[in-house]
Protein backbone atom coordinates (compact mmCIF):
# COMPACT_ATOMS: atom_id res chain seq x y z
CA MET A 1 44.00 -41.73 -5.90
CA LEU A 2 44.47 -37.99 -5.51
CA ALA A 3 47.32 -38.62 -3.09
CA GLY A 4 49.16 -40.59 -5.79
CA PHE A 5 48.83 -37.70 -8.24
CA ILE A 6 50.09 -35.21 -5.65
CA ILE A 7 53.02 -37.39 -4.55
CA CYS A 8 54.13 -38.08 -8.13
CA PHE A 9 53.85 -34.38 -8.93
CA ILE A 10 55.98 -33.36 -5.94
CA VAL A 11 58.60 -36.07 -6.57
CA GLY A 12 58.70 -35.16 -10.28
CA LEU A 13 59.20 -31.48 -9.51
CA LEU A 14 61.97 -32.39 -7.06
CA CYS A 15 63.70 -34.47 -9.75
CA ILE A 16 63.39 -31.65 -12.27
CA PHE A 17 64.81 -29.16 -9.76
CA MET A 18 67.73 -31.45 -8.89
CA GLY A 19 68.40 -32.05 -12.58
CA TYR A 20 68.45 -28.30 -13.17
CA LEU A 21 70.90 -27.78 -10.30
CA THR A 22 73.13 -30.55 -11.63
CA TRP A 23 73.02 -29.53 -15.30
CA LYS A 24 72.84 -25.75 -15.34
CA LYS A 25 74.34 -24.82 -11.97
CA LYS A 26 77.01 -27.58 -12.09
CA ILE A 27 76.41 -28.70 -8.49
CA LEU A 28 78.04 -32.08 -9.01
CA SER A 29 77.95 -32.97 -5.32
CA LEU A 30 74.30 -33.94 -5.88
CA ILE A 31 75.50 -36.95 -7.89
CA ALA A 32 75.74 -40.05 -5.69
CA GLY A 33 79.29 -41.35 -5.54
CA TYR A 34 80.83 -38.30 -7.20
CA ASN A 35 84.27 -37.41 -5.89
CA GLU A 36 86.04 -34.30 -7.16
CA GLU A 37 89.51 -35.79 -6.62
CA THR A 38 88.94 -39.11 -8.37
CA PHE A 39 86.83 -38.00 -11.36
CA LYS A 40 89.22 -37.29 -14.24
CA GLY A 41 86.70 -36.87 -17.08
CA ASP A 42 84.83 -33.92 -18.55
CA LYS A 43 82.75 -32.41 -15.76
CA GLU A 44 80.60 -30.42 -18.23
CA LYS A 45 79.50 -33.60 -20.02
CA LEU A 46 78.92 -35.34 -16.69
CA ALA A 47 76.72 -32.50 -15.42
CA LYS A 48 74.71 -32.40 -18.65
CA ALA A 49 74.19 -36.17 -18.88
CA VAL A 50 73.11 -36.63 -15.28
CA GLY A 51 71.06 -33.42 -15.23
CA VAL A 52 69.15 -34.16 -18.43
CA PHE A 53 68.49 -37.76 -17.34
CA THR A 54 67.17 -36.56 -13.98
CA ILE A 55 64.90 -34.01 -15.65
CA ILE A 56 63.53 -36.66 -18.03
CA ILE A 57 62.80 -38.99 -15.11
CA GLY A 58 61.09 -36.11 -13.31
CA VAL A 59 58.81 -35.38 -16.27
CA LEU A 60 58.00 -39.08 -16.64
CA THR A 61 57.22 -39.26 -12.91
CA ILE A 62 54.75 -36.38 -13.23
CA LEU A 63 53.08 -38.10 -16.21
CA LEU A 64 53.05 -41.57 -14.62
CA PRO A 65 49.77 -41.37 -12.65
CA PHE A 66 47.90 -40.02 -15.68
CA GLY A 67 49.14 -42.91 -17.79
CA LEU A 68 48.21 -45.41 -15.10
CA GLU A 69 44.75 -43.91 -14.69
CA PHE A 70 43.78 -43.31 -18.31
CA ILE A 71 45.80 -45.84 -20.35
CA SER A 72 46.65 -49.00 -18.39
CA GLU A 73 49.03 -50.57 -15.90
CA TRP A 74 51.44 -51.24 -18.76
CA VAL A 75 52.49 -47.60 -18.46
CA GLY A 76 53.99 -48.45 -15.07
CA LEU A 77 55.99 -51.28 -16.57
CA LEU A 78 57.14 -49.00 -19.40
CA PHE A 79 58.16 -46.36 -16.84
CA GLY A 80 60.16 -48.95 -14.90
CA ALA A 81 61.83 -50.27 -18.06
CA ILE A 82 62.77 -46.76 -19.25
CA THR A 83 64.17 -45.91 -15.82
CA PHE A 84 66.11 -49.19 -15.55
CA VAL A 85 67.60 -49.15 -19.06
CA GLY A 86 68.29 -45.41 -18.88
CA THR A 87 70.14 -45.80 -15.59
CA ILE A 88 72.29 -48.62 -16.96
CA LEU A 89 73.13 -46.57 -20.06
CA LEU A 90 73.90 -43.52 -17.93
CA ILE A 91 76.27 -45.54 -15.72
CA ILE A 92 78.08 -46.87 -18.79
CA TYR A 93 78.36 -43.36 -20.27
CA VAL A 94 79.65 -41.82 -17.02
CA ASN A 95 82.24 -44.59 -16.66
CA GLN A 96 83.43 -43.91 -20.20
CA LEU A 97 83.72 -40.22 -19.38
CA ASN A 98 85.96 -41.04 -16.42
CA ARG A 99 88.46 -43.09 -18.44
CA PRO A 100 91.84 -41.50 -19.09
CA LYS A 101 92.47 -40.74 -22.74
């Protein structure tokens, strides 16, 4: 059980760090599938959207084992649903950013 807490904590911190690098430091090469030549949209908005989403997922990952331990297994399903729906919405938003105006 302790190993799960430690692993979620480390993975969550890694997500938060990567989100920070993407959002604040504008290291867009951390985004899977990002290509400088083909992306025509606003890179500032892209960095913020992906960075903030990654930070939120990192915080939720850190909180996940506590919710599973002290609330119920439904927290895991809620975590999965938030991650799934959030990812779909992020993909839609990033694709709209990349459209020519």
